PDB file of N, CA and C in Angstrom:
ATOM      1  N   MET A   1      14.297 -15.512 -17.482  1.00  0.00           N
ATOM      2  CA  MET A   1      12.992 -14.507 -17.417  1.00  0.00           C
ATOM      3  C   MET A   1      12.783 -14.346 -16.205  1.00  0.00           C
ATOM      4  N   PRO A   2      12.913 -13.450 -15.775  1.00  0.00           N
ATOM      5  CA  PRO A   2      12.008 -13.300 -14.546  1.00  0.00           C
ATOM      6  C   PRO A   2      10.712 -14.138 -13.989  1.00  0.00           C
ATOM      7  N   ARG A   3      10.337 -14.182 -12.759  1.00  0.00           N
ATOM      8  CA  ARG A   3       8.651 -14.765 -12.271  1.00  0.00           C
ATOM      9  C   ARG A   3       8.158 -13.273 -12.744  1.00  0.00           C
ATOM     10  N   PRO A   4       6.428 -13.505 -13.175  1.00  0.00           N
ATOM     11  CA  PRO A   4       5.558 -12.797 -12.994  1.00  0.00           C
ATOM     12  C   PRO A   4       5.035 -12.422 -11.783  1.00  0.00           C
ATOM     13  N   THR A   5       5.016 -11.115 -11.925  1.00  0.00           N
ATOM     14  CA  THR A   5       4.533 -10.838 -10.363  1.00  0.00           C
ATOM     15  C   THR A   5       3.421 -11.106  -9.957  1.00  0.00           C
ATOM     16  N   LYS A   6       3.138 -11.344  -8.576  1.00  0.00           N
ATOM     17  CA  LYS A   6       1.872 -12.347  -8.084  1.00  0.00           C
ATOM     18  C   LYS A   6       1.166 -10.909  -7.687  1.00  0.00           C
ATOM     19  N   CYS A   7      -0.199 -10.832  -7.882  1.00  0.00           N
ATOM     20  CA  CYS A   7      -0.993  -9.480  -7.041  1.00  0.00           C
ATOM     21  C   CYS A   7      -1.273  -9.688  -5.717  1.00  0.00           C
ATOM     22  N   ARG A   8      -1.098  -8.207  -5.126  1.00  0.00           N
ATOM     23  CA  ARG A   8      -1.234  -8.582  -3.596  1.00  0.00           C
ATOM     24  C   ARG A   8      -2.319  -7.377  -3.062  1.00  0.00           C
ATOM     25  N   LYS A   9      -3.150  -8.427  -2.253  1.00  0.00           N
ATOM     26  CA  LYS A   9      -3.982  -8.650  -1.534  1.00  0.00           C
ATOM     27  C   LYS A   9      -4.201  -6.857  -0.931  1.00  0.00           C
ATOM     28  N   VAL A  10      -5.258  -5.955  -1.308  1.00  0.00           N
ATOM     29  CA  VAL A  10      -5.706  -5.029  -0.521  1.00  0.00           C
ATOM     30  C   VAL A  10      -7.058  -5.185   0.376  1.00  0.00           C
ATOM     31  N   CYS A  11      -6.954  -4.209   1.034  1.00  0.00           N
ATOM     32  CA  CYS A  11      -7.990  -4.303   2.055  1.00  0.00           C
ATOM     33  C   CYS A  11      -9.057  -3.523   1.051  1.00  0.00           C
ATOM     34  N   ALA A  12      -8.558  -2.146   0.917  1.00  0.00           N
ATOM     35  CA  ALA A  12      -9.964  -1.057   0.021  1.00  0.00           C
ATOM     36  C   ALA A  12      -8.633  -0.130  -0.149  1.00  0.00           C
ATOM     37  N   LEU A  13      -9.228   0.697  -0.992  1.00  0.00           N
ATOM     38  CA  LEU A  13      -8.845   1.802  -2.060  1.00  0.00           C
ATOM     39  C   LEU A  13      -8.676   2.755  -0.872  1.00  0.00           C
ATOM     40  N   PRO A  14      -7.449   3.904  -1.302  1.00  0.00           N
ATOM     41  CA  PRO A  14      -7.303   4.885  -0.362  1.00  0.00           C
ATOM     42  C   PRO A  14      -8.292   5.578  -0.419  1.00  0.00           C
ATOM     43  N   LYS A  15      -8.744   6.285   0.625  1.00  0.00           N
ATOM     44  CA  LYS A  15     -10.048   7.569   0.451  1.00  0.00           C
ATOM     45  C   LYS A  15      -9.618   8.814  -0.282  1.00  0.00           C
ATOM     46  N   CYS A  16      -8.444   8.592   0.050  1.00  0.00           N
ATOM     47  CA  CYS A  16      -7.967  10.342  -0.386  1.00  0.00           C
ATOM     48  C   CYS A  16      -6.672   9.650  -1.608  1.00  0.00           C
ATOM     49  N   ARG A  17      -7.070  10.018  -3.301  1.00  0.00           N
ATOM     50  CA  ARG A  17      -5.833   9.510  -3.701  1.00  0.00           C
ATOM     51  C   ARG A  17      -4.166  10.546  -4.495  1.00  0.00           C
ATOM     52  N   GLU A  18      -4.578  11.934  -3.435  1.00  0.00           N
ATOM     53  CA  GLU A  18      -3.725  12.609  -4.509  1.00  0.00           C
ATOM     54  C   GLU A  18      -3.322  13.595  -3.367  1.00  0.00           C
ATOM     55  N   PHE A  19      -1.972  14.344  -3.036  1.00  0.00           N
ATOM     56  CA  PHE A  19      -1.745  15.177  -1.887  1.00  0.00           C
ATOM     57  C   PHE A  19      -0.574  16.116  -2.791  1.00  0.00           C
ATOM     58  N   ARG A  20      -0.736  17.410  -2.703  1.00  0.00           N
ATOM     59  CA  ARG A  20      -0.204  18.257  -2.950  1.00  0.00           C
ATOM     60  C   ARG A  20      -0.041  19.245  -2.515  1.00  0.00           C
ATOM     61  N   PRO A  21       1.076  19.461  -2.290  1.00  0.00           N
ATOM     62  CA  PRO A  21       1.666  21.062  -1.346  1.00  0.00           C
ATOM     63  C   PRO A  21       1.791  21.566  -1.663  1.00  0.00           C
ATOM     64  N   VAL A  22       1.668  22.620  -0.862  1.00  0.00           N
ATOM     65  CA  VAL A  22       0.732  24.096  -0.814  1.00  0.00           C
ATOM     66  C   VAL A  22       1.590  24.944  -1.554  1.00  0.00           C
ATOM     67  N   CYS A  23       2.767  25.073  -1.630  1.00  0.00           N
ATOM     68  CA  CYS A  23       3.796  25.811  -2.611  1.00  0.00           C
ATOM     69  C   CYS A  23       3.768  25.668  -4.256  1.00  0.00           C
ATOM     70  N   GLY A  24       2.227  24.746  -4.279  1.00  0.00           N
ATOM     71  CA  GLY A  24       2.851  24.209  -6.159  1.00  0.00           C
ATOM     72  C   GLY A  24       3.679  22.824  -6.313  1.00  0.00           C
ATOM     73  N   ALA A  25       2.784  22.133  -6.842  1.00  0.00           N
ATOM     74  CA  ALA A  25       4.133  21.230  -7.072  1.00  0.00           C
ATOM     75  C   ALA A  25       4.232  21.161  -8.765  1.00  0.00           C
ATOM     76  N   LYS A  26       5.831  21.489  -9.052  1.00  0.00           N
ATOM     77  CA  LYS A  26       6.516  21.569 -10.149  1.00  0.00           C
ATOM     78  C   LYS A  26       6.775  19.123 -10.885  1.00  0.00           C
ATOM     79  N   ALA A  27       6.538  18.478 -10.013  1.00  0.00           N
ATOM     80  CA  ALA A  27       6.314  16.917 -10.853  1.00  0.00           C
ATOM     81  C   ALA A  27       5.532  16.370  -9.596  1.00  0.00           C
ATOM     82  N   THR A  28       5.439  15.020 -10.284  1.00  0.00           N
ATOM     83  CA  THR A  28       4.360  14.015  -9.487  1.00  0.00           C
ATOM     84  C   THR A  28       4.806  13.271  -9.180  1.00  0.00           C
ATOM     85  N   VAL A  29       4.799  12.446  -8.224  1.00  0.00           N
ATOM     86  CA  VAL A  29       5.143  10.943  -7.677  1.00  0.00           C
ATOM     87  C   VAL A  29       4.405   9.870  -7.890  1.00  0.00           C
ATOM     88  N   ILE A  30       4.509   8.932  -8.170  1.00  0.00           N
ATOM     89  CA  ILE A  30       3.320   7.878  -8.284  1.00  0.00           C
ATOM     90  C   ILE A  30       3.548   6.769  -7.163  1.00  0.00           C
ATOM     91  N   LEU A  31       2.811   6.784  -6.511  1.00  0.00           N
ATOM     92  CA  LEU A  31       3.463   5.316  -5.149  1.00  0.00           C
ATOM     93  C   LEU A  31       1.726   4.561  -5.764  1.00  0.00           C
ATOM     94  N   SER A  32       2.019   3.317  -5.667  1.00  0.00           N
ATOM     95  CA  SER A  32       1.301   2.064  -6.006  1.00  0.00           C
ATOM     96  C   SER A  32       0.477   1.793  -4.927  1.00  0.00           C
ATOM     97  N   VAL A  33      -0.857   1.348  -5.581  1.00  0.00           N
ATOM     98  CA  VAL A  33      -1.944   0.726  -3.977  1.00  0.00           C
ATOM     99  C   VAL A  33      -1.001  -0.054  -3.297  1.00  0.00           C
ATOM    100  N   ASP A  34      -0.506  -1.511  -3.702  1.00  0.00           N
ATOM    101  CA  ASP A  34       0.375  -1.959  -2.452  1.00  0.00           C
ATOM    102  C   ASP A  34       1.163  -1.753  -1.679  1.00  0.00           C
ATOM    103  N   GLU A  35       1.763  -0.687  -2.838  1.00  0.00           N
ATOM    104  CA  GLU A  35       2.703   0.705  -2.060  1.00  0.00           C
ATOM    105  C   GLU A  35       2.112   0.617  -1.140  1.00  0.00           C
ATOM    106  N   TYR A  36       1.052   1.783  -1.520  1.00  0.00           N
ATOM    107  CA  TYR A  36      -0.106   2.928  -0.032  1.00  0.00           C
ATOM    108  C   TYR A  36      -0.196   1.225   1.022  1.00  0.00           C
ATOM    109  N   GLU A  37      -0.672  -0.078   0.592  1.00  0.00           N
ATOM    110  CA  GLU A  37      -1.069  -0.585   1.645  1.00  0.00           C
ATOM    111  C   GLU A  37       0.151  -1.099   2.895  1.00  0.00           C
ATOM    112  N   ALA A  38       1.364  -1.802   1.591  1.00  0.00           N
ATOM    113  CA  ALA A  38       2.191  -2.003   2.762  1.00  0.00           C
ATOM    114  C   ALA A  38       2.397  -1.089   3.724  1.00  0.00           C
ATOM    115  N   LEU A  39       2.436   0.156   3.413  1.00  0.00           N
ATOM    116  CA  LEU A  39       2.712   1.265   4.768  1.00  0.00           C
ATOM    117  C   LEU A  39       1.539   1.664   5.567  1.00  0.00           C
ATOM    118  N   ARG A  40       0.285   0.954   5.617  1.00  0.00           N
ATOM    119  CA  ARG A  40      -0.663   1.138   5.742  1.00  0.00           C
ATOM    120  C   ARG A  40      -0.762   0.123   6.875  1.00  0.00           C
ATOM    121  N   LEU A  41       0.009  -0.932   6.607  1.00  0.00           N
ATOM    122  CA  LEU A  41      -0.121  -2.094   7.138  1.00  0.00           C
ATOM    123  C   LEU A  41       0.993  -2.194   8.367  1.00  0.00           C
ATOM    124  N   LEU A  42       2.220  -1.748   8.134  1.00  0.00           N
ATOM    125  CA  LEU A  42       3.838  -1.630   8.598  1.00  0.00           C
ATOM    126  C   LEU A  42       3.071  -0.160   9.892  1.00  0.00           C
ATOM    127  N   ASP A  43       2.651   0.232   9.300  1.00  0.00           N
ATOM    128  CA  ASP A  43       3.679   1.695   9.952  1.00  0.00           C
ATOM    129  C   ASP A  43       1.810   2.361  11.009  1.00  0.00           C
ATOM    130  N   ARG A  44       0.653   2.006  10.323  1.00  0.00           N
ATOM    131  CA  ARG A  44      -0.255   2.845  10.757  1.00  0.00           C
ATOM    132  C   ARG A  44      -1.156   1.484  11.264  1.00  0.00           C
ATOM    133  N   GLU A  45      -0.951   0.426  11.074  1.00  0.00           N
ATOM    134  CA  GLU A  45      -1.574  -0.741  11.969  1.00  0.00           C
ATOM    135  C   GLU A  45      -0.663  -1.672  12.539  1.00  0.00           C
ATOM    136  N   GLY A  46       0.889  -1.370  12.674  1.00  0.00           N
ATOM    137  CA  GLY A  46       1.804  -2.166  13.711  1.00  0.00           C
ATOM    138  C   GLY A  46       2.207  -3.449  12.916  1.00  0.00           C
ATOM    139  N   PHE A  47       1.827  -3.877  12.099  1.00  0.00           N
ATOM    140  CA  PHE A  47       1.833  -5.183  11.371  1.00  0.00           C
ATOM    141  C   PHE A  47       3.532  -5.224  11.858  1.00  0.00           C
ATOM    142  N   SER A  48       3.861  -6.897  11.850  1.00  0.00           N
ATOM    143  CA  SER A  48       5.284  -7.140  11.319  1.00  0.00           C
ATOM    144  C   SER A  48       5.218  -7.431  10.024  1.00  0.00           C
ATOM    145  N   GLN A  49       6.440  -7.752   9.656  1.00  0.00           N
ATOM    146  CA  GLN A  49       6.602  -7.821   8.364  1.00  0.00           C
ATOM    147  C   GLN A  49       5.982  -9.125   7.853  1.00  0.00           C
ATOM    148  N   SER A  50       6.122 -10.074   9.081  1.00  0.00           N
ATOM    149  CA  SER A  50       5.275 -11.633   8.580  1.00  0.00           C
ATOM    150  C   SER A  50       4.293 -11.573   8.659  1.00  0.00           C
ATOM    151  N   GLN A  51       3.672 -10.651   9.739  1.00  0.00           N
ATOM    152  CA  GLN A  51       2.118 -10.279   9.045  1.00  0.00           C
ATOM    153  C   GLN A  51       1.279  -9.671   8.216  1.00  0.00           C
ATOM    154  N   ALA A  52       2.221  -8.713   7.933  1.00  0.00           N
ATOM    155  CA  ALA A  52       1.578  -7.915   6.597  1.00  0.00           C
ATOM    156  C   ALA A  52       1.667  -8.601   5.605  1.00  0.00           C
ATOM    157  N   ALA A  53       2.983  -9.890   5.484  1.00  0.00           N
ATOM    158  CA  ALA A  53       3.091 -10.550   3.982  1.00  0.00           C
ATOM    159  C   ALA A  53       1.921 -11.488   4.172  1.00  0.00           C
ATOM    160  N   ALA A  54       1.706 -12.233   5.249  1.00  0.00           N
ATOM    161  CA  ALA A  54       1.043 -13.260   5.551  1.00  0.00           C
ATOM    162  C   ALA A  54      -0.531 -12.295   4.643  1.00  0.00           C
ATOM    163  N   PHE A  55      -1.304 -11.296   5.226  1.00  0.00           N
ATOM    164  CA  PHE A  55      -2.524 -10.291   4.870  1.00  0.00           C
ATOM    165  C   PHE A  55      -2.288 -10.092   3.357  1.00  0.00           C
ATOM    166  N   MET A  56      -1.318  -9.846   2.849  1.00  0.00           N
ATOM    167  CA  MET A  56      -1.086  -9.183   1.312  1.00  0.00           C
ATOM    168  C   MET A  56      -0.558 -10.517   0.475  1.00  0.00           C
ATOM    169  N   GLN A  57      -0.541 -11.415   0.957  1.00  0.00           N
ATOM    170  CA  GLN A  57      -0.365 -12.706   0.636  1.00  0.00           C
ATOM    171  C   GLN A  57       0.865 -13.188  -0.136  1.00  0.00           C
ATOM    172  N   VAL A  58       1.455 -12.375  -0.052  1.00  0.00           N
ATOM    173  CA  VAL A  58       3.202 -12.508  -0.253  1.00  0.00           C
ATOM    174  C   VAL A  58       4.324 -12.834   0.284  1.00  0.00           C
ATOM    175  N   SER A  59       5.581 -12.742   0.458  1.00  0.00           N
ATOM    176  CA  SER A  59       6.547 -13.258   0.931  1.00  0.00           C
ATOM    177  C   SER A  59       7.211 -12.106   1.528  1.00  0.00           C
ATOM    178  N   ARG A  60       8.049 -12.331   2.836  1.00  0.00           N
ATOM    179  CA  ARG A  60       8.544 -11.026   3.273  1.00  0.00           C
ATOM    180  C   ARG A  60       9.228 -10.425   2.839  1.00  0.00           C
ATOM    181  N   PRO A  61      10.417 -11.216   2.096  1.00  0.00           N
ATOM    182  CA  PRO A  61      11.008 -10.173   1.282  1.00  0.00           C
ATOM    183  C   PRO A  61      10.501  -9.403   0.371  1.00  0.00           C
ATOM    184  N   THR A  62       9.151  -9.808  -0.262  1.00  0.00           N
ATOM    185  CA  THR A  62       8.402  -8.931  -0.725  1.00  0.00           C
ATOM    186  C   THR A  62       7.909  -7.449  -0.520  1.00  0.00           C
ATOM    187  N   VAL A  63       7.554  -7.957   0.702  1.00  0.00           N
ATOM    188  CA  VAL A  63       6.765  -6.682   1.578  1.00  0.00           C
ATOM    189  C   VAL A  63       7.949  -6.135   2.034  1.00  0.00           C
ATOM    190  N   GLN A  64       8.713  -6.421   2.137  1.00  0.00           N
ATOM    191  CA  GLN A  64      10.065  -6.050   2.481  1.00  0.00           C
ATOM    192  C   GLN A  64      10.259  -4.356   1.242  1.00  0.00           C
ATOM    193  N   ILE A  65      10.547  -5.171  -0.003  1.00  0.00           N
ATOM    194  CA  ILE A  65      10.880  -4.567  -1.468  1.00  0.00           C
ATOM    195  C   ILE A  65       9.676  -3.321  -1.428  1.00  0.00           C
ATOM    196  N   ILE A  66       8.549  -4.010  -1.278  1.00  0.00           N
ATOM    197  CA  ILE A  66       7.410  -3.010  -1.806  1.00  0.00           C
ATOM    198  C   ILE A  66       7.057  -1.609  -0.308  1.00  0.00           C
ATOM    199  N   TYR A  67       7.579  -1.879   0.665  1.00  0.00           N
ATOM    200  CA  TYR A  67       7.649  -0.678   1.657  1.00  0.00           C
ATOM    201  C   TYR A  67       8.925   0.157   1.302  1.00  0.00           C
ATOM    202  N   ASP A  68      10.276  -0.631   1.331  1.00  0.00           N
ATOM    203  CA  ASP A  68      11.179   0.368   0.523  1.00  0.00           C
ATOM    204  C   ASP A  68      11.148   1.505  -0.456  1.00  0.00           C
ATOM    205  N   SER A  69      10.710   0.752  -0.919  1.00  0.00           N
ATOM    206  CA  SER A  69      10.095   1.688  -2.334  1.00  0.00           C
ATOM    207  C   SER A  69       8.987   2.632  -2.442  1.00  0.00           C
ATOM    208  N   ALA A  70       8.292   2.506  -1.528  1.00  0.00           N
ATOM    209  CA  ALA A  70       7.020   3.559  -0.696  1.00  0.00           C
ATOM    210  C   ALA A  70       7.269   4.417  -0.479  1.00  0.00           C
ATOM    211  N   ARG A  71       8.415   4.130   0.914  1.00  0.00           N
ATOM    212  CA  ARG A  71       9.251   4.697   1.638  1.00  0.00           C
ATOM    213  C   ARG A  71      10.158   5.868   0.519  1.00  0.00           C
ATOM    214  N   ARG A  72      10.785   5.573  -0.330  1.00  0.00           N
ATOM    215  CA  ARG A  72      11.463   6.295  -1.606  1.00  0.00           C
ATOM    216  C   ARG A  72      10.816   7.603  -1.369  1.00  0.00           C
ATOM    217  N   LYS A  73       9.484   6.814  -2.348  1.00  0.00           N
ATOM    218  CA  LYS A  73       8.594   7.610  -3.202  1.00  0.00           C
ATOM    219  C   LYS A  73       8.021   9.243  -2.356  1.00  0.00           C
ATOM    220  N   ILE A  74       7.884   8.945  -0.924  1.00  0.00           N
ATOM    221  CA  ILE A  74       7.497   9.680  -0.074  1.00  0.00           C
ATOM    222  C   ILE A  74       8.371  10.486   0.076  1.00  0.00           C
ATOM    223  N   ALA A  75       9.651  10.040   0.464  1.00  0.00           N
ATOM    224  CA  ALA A  75      10.669  10.681   0.493  1.00  0.00           C
ATOM    225  C   ALA A  75      10.980  11.796  -0.337  1.00  0.00           C
ATOM    226  N   GLN A  76      10.976  11.605  -1.717  1.00  0.00           N
ATOM    227  CA  GLN A  76      11.064  12.337  -3.126  1.00  0.00           C
ATOM    228  C   GLN A  76      10.050  13.130  -3.103  1.00  0.00           C
ATOM    229  N   ALA A  77       8.847  12.848  -2.976  1.00  0.00           N
ATOM    230  CA  ALA A  77       7.562  14.010  -2.414  1.00  0.00           C
ATOM    231  C   ALA A  77       8.044  15.209  -1.471  1.00  0.00           C
ATOM    232  N   LEU A  78       8.756  15.118  -0.445  1.00  0.00           N
ATOM    233  CA  LEU A  78       8.713  15.136   0.445  1.00  0.00           C
ATOM    234  C   LEU A  78       9.423  16.519   0.053  1.00  0.00           C
ATOM    235  N   PHE A  79      10.679  15.902  -0.014  1.00  0.00           N
ATOM    236  CA  PHE A  79      12.151  16.661  -0.292  1.00  0.00           C
ATOM    237  C   PHE A  79      11.952  17.138  -1.824  1.00  0.00           C
ATOM    238  N   GLU A  80      11.474  17.236  -2.661  1.00  0.00           N
ATOM    239  CA  GLU A  80      11.469  17.740  -3.908  1.00  0.00           C
ATOM    240  C   GLU A  80       9.874  18.758  -4.106  1.00  0.00           C
ATOM    241  N   GLY A  81       9.225  18.604  -3.464  1.00  0.00           N
ATOM    242  CA  GLY A  81       8.125  19.267  -3.337  1.00  0.00           C
ATOM    243  C   GLY A  81       7.070  18.800  -4.492  1.00  0.00           C
ATOM    244  N   ALA A  82       6.883  17.724  -4.914  1.00  0.00           N
ATOM    245  CA  ALA A  82       6.184  16.948  -5.610  1.00  0.00           C
ATOM    246  C   ALA A  82       4.757  16.453  -5.073  1.00  0.00           C
ATOM    247  N   SER A  83       4.004  16.297  -6.165  1.00  0.00           N
ATOM    248  CA  SER A  83       2.556  15.914  -5.672  1.00  0.00           C
ATOM    249  C   SER A  83       3.263  14.393  -5.777  1.00  0.00           C
ATOM    250  N   LEU A  84       1.904  13.903  -4.586  1.00  0.00           N
ATOM    251  CA  LEU A  84       1.863  12.237  -4.660  1.00  0.00           C
ATOM    252  C   LEU A  84       0.660  11.555  -5.001  1.00  0.00           C
ATOM    253  N   ARG A  85       0.698  10.814  -6.119  1.00  0.00           N
ATOM    254  CA  ARG A  85      -0.491  10.267  -6.210  1.00  0.00           C
ATOM    255  C   ARG A  85      -0.375   8.951  -6.521  1.00  0.00           C
ATOM    256  N   ILE A  86      -1.728   8.268  -5.514  1.00  0.00           N
ATOM    257  CA  ILE A  86      -1.973   6.805  -5.461  1.00  0.00           C
ATOM    258  C   ILE A  86      -2.640   6.265  -6.322  1.00  0.00           C
ATOM    259  N   GLU A  87      -2.221   5.406  -7.427  1.00  0.00           N
ATOM    260  CA  GLU A  87      -2.528   5.089  -8.494  1.00  0.00           C
ATOM    261  C   GLU A  87      -2.145   3.532  -9.340  1.00  0.00           C
ATOM    262  N   GLY A  88      -2.383   2.771  -9.473  1.00  0.00           N
ATOM    263  CA  GLY A  88      -2.283   1.443 -10.291  1.00  0.00           C
ATOM    264  C   GLY A  88      -0.937   0.215  -9.191  1.00  0.00           C
ATOM    265  N   GLY A  89      -0.267  -0.255  -9.538  1.00  0.00           N
ATOM    266  CA  GLY A  89       0.299  -1.901  -9.304  1.00  0.00           C
ATOM    267  C   GLY A  89      -0.664  -2.310  -9.895  1.00  0.00           C
ATOM    268  N   CYS A  90      -0.075  -3.537  -8.993  1.00  0.00           N
ATOM    269  CA  CYS A  90      -0.519  -5.159  -9.255  1.00  0.00           C
ATOM    270  C   CYS A  90      -1.636  -5.676  -7.883  1.00  0.00           C
ATOM    271  N   PHE A  91      -2.382  -5.410  -7.547  1.00  0.00           N
ATOM    272  CA  PHE A  91      -3.044  -5.662  -6.299  1.00  0.00           C
ATOM    273  C   PHE A  91      -4.407  -6.442  -6.913  1.00  0.00           C
ATOM    274  N   ARG A  92      -5.002  -7.031  -6.011  1.00  0.00           N
ATOM    275  CA  ARG A  92      -6.486  -7.177  -5.799  1.00  0.00           C
ATOM    276  C   ARG A  92      -6.912  -7.124  -4.751  1.00  0.00           C
ATOM    277  N   LEU A  93      -8.068  -6.439  -5.005  1.00  0.00           N
ATOM    278  CA  LEU A  93      -9.838  -5.957  -3.581  1.00  0.00           C
ATOM    279  C   LEU A  93      -9.589  -6.768  -2.724  1.00  0.00           C
ATOM    280  N   CYS A  94      -9.088  -7.097  -1.299  1.00  0.00           N
ATOM    281  CA  CYS A  94     -10.404  -7.856  -0.782  1.00  0.00           C
ATOM    282  C   CYS A  94     -11.531  -8.139  -1.089  1.00  0.00           C
ATOM    283  N   ASP A  95     -12.416  -9.541  -0.984  1.00  0.00           N
ATOM    284  CA  ASP A  95     -13.482  -9.302  -1.405  1.00  0.00           C
ATOM    285  C   ASP A  95     -14.596  -9.057  -0.454  1.00  0.00           C
ATOM    286  N   GLY A  96     -13.761  -9.085   1.058  1.00  0.00           N
ATOM    287  CA  GLY A  96     -14.655  -9.285   2.506  1.00  0.00           C
ATOM    288  C   GLY A  96     -15.015 -10.622   2.585  1.00  0.00           C
ATOM    289  N   SER A  97     -14.519 -11.604   2.557  1.00  0.00           N
ATOM    290  CA  SER A  97     -15.256 -13.026   2.659  1.00  0.00           C
ATOM    291  C   SER A  97     -14.408 -14.045   3.401  1.00  0.00           C
ATOM    292  N   GLU A  98     -12.756 -13.618   3.293  1.00  0.00           N
ATOM    293  CA  GLU A  98     -11.905 -14.564   3.409  1.00  0.00           C
ATOM    294  C   GLU A  98     -11.889 -14.471   4.948  1.00  0.00           C
ATOM    295  N   LYS A  99     -11.465 -15.829   5.284  1.00  0.00           N
ATOM    296  CA  LYS A  99     -11.302 -16.019   7.116  1.00  0.00           C
ATOM    297  C   LYS A  99      -9.832 -16.216   7.280  1.00  0.00           C
ATOM    298  N   GLY A 100     -10.111 -15.321   8.467  1.00  0.00           N
ATOM    299  CA  GLY A 100      -8.922 -15.016   8.777  1.00  0.00           C
ATOM    300  C   GLY A 100      -8.656 -13.434   8.601  1.00  0.00           C
ATOM    301  N   CYS A 101      -9.304 -12.900   7.741  1.00  0.00           N
ATOM    302  CA  CYS A 101      -9.148 -11.717   7.307  1.00  0.00           C
ATOM    303  C   CYS A 101      -9.499 -10.702   8.238  1.00  0.00           C
ATOM    304  N   VAL A 102      -8.282  -9.383   8.528  1.00  0.00           N
ATOM    305  CA  VAL A 102      -8.319  -8.691   9.454  1.00  0.00           C
ATOM    306  C   VAL A 102      -9.717  -7.548   9.223  1.00  0.00           C
ATOM    307  N   CYS A 103      -9.161  -7.176   7.826  1.00  0.00           N
ATOM    308  CA  CYS A 103     -10.454  -6.291   7.351  1.00  0.00           C
ATOM    309  C   CYS A 103     -11.773  -6.677   7.086  1.00  0.00           C
ATOM    310  N   CYS A 104     -11.855  -7.917   6.909  1.00  0.00           N
ATOM    311  CA  CYS A 104     -13.099  -8.580   6.754  1.00  0.00           C
ATOM    312  C   CYS A 104     -14.097  -8.716   7.832  1.00  0.00           C
ATOM    313  N   LYS A 105     -12.842  -8.905   8.924  1.00  0.00           N
ATOM    314  CA  LYS A 105     -13.190  -8.903  10.369  1.00  0.00           C
ATOM    315  C   LYS A 105     -13.830  -8.109  10.798  1.00  0.00           C
ATOM    316  N   LYS A 106     -13.092  -6.441  10.338  1.00  0.00           N
ATOM    317  CA  LYS A 106     -13.385  -5.267  11.252  1.00  0.00           C
ATOM    318  C   LYS A 106     -14.954  -4.802  10.465  1.00  0.00           C
ATOM    319  N   ARG A 107     -14.953  -5.475   8.999  1.00  0.00           N
ATOM    320  CA  ARG A 107     -16.239  -4.741   8.430  1.00  0.00           C
ATOM    321  C   ARG A 107     -17.771  -5.489   8.767  1.00  0.00           C
ATOM    322  N   HIS A 108     -17.746  -6.790   9.318  1.00  0.00           N
ATOM    323  CA  HIS A 108     -18.068  -7.490  10.008  1.00  0.00           C
ATOM    324  C   HIS A 108     -18.650  -7.230  11.599  1.00  0.00           C
ATOM    325  N   GLU A 109     -17.603  -6.268  12.155  1.00  0.00           N
ATOM    326  CA  GLU A 109     -17.785  -5.992  13.286  1.00  0.00           C
ATOM    327  C   GLU A 109     -18.739  -4.515  13.353  1.00  0.00           C
ATOM    328  N   LYS A 110     -18.894  -4.054  12.151  1.00  0.00           N
ATOM    329  CA  LYS A 110     -19.084  -2.493  12.080  1.00  0.00           C
ATOM    330  C   LYS A 110     -20.487  -2.630  11.674  1.00  0.00           C
ATOM    331  N   ALA A 111     -21.279  -3.819  10.725  1.00  0.00           N
ATOM    332  CA  ALA A 111     -22.455  -4.226  10.158  1.00  0.00           C
ATOM    333  C   ALA A 111     -23.156  -4.274  11.352  1.00  0.00           C
TER     334      ALA A 111
END
């Protein structure tokens, strides 16, 4: 019997949750919120896999699995002309009070 899925910590929900091609989409690819967060941390923020794993509170191999899945889904949406929707997944939102949390630090600096 597999182990239960551990919820991943996510800084915030995406501002835009759906992307559609101009040519019209025939299908929709679902990207989970935790896959979106892995992409954000690794590609946009420049975190290493170890840093992203610590941030999301999962193991480094788990981050790699999540990231690979996200990349496959984005490639599928691009090459098939499908819509991309971000929803679901096993995650919990950061409450803004965790010590040493990058997103919490940024929120406190803006206030």
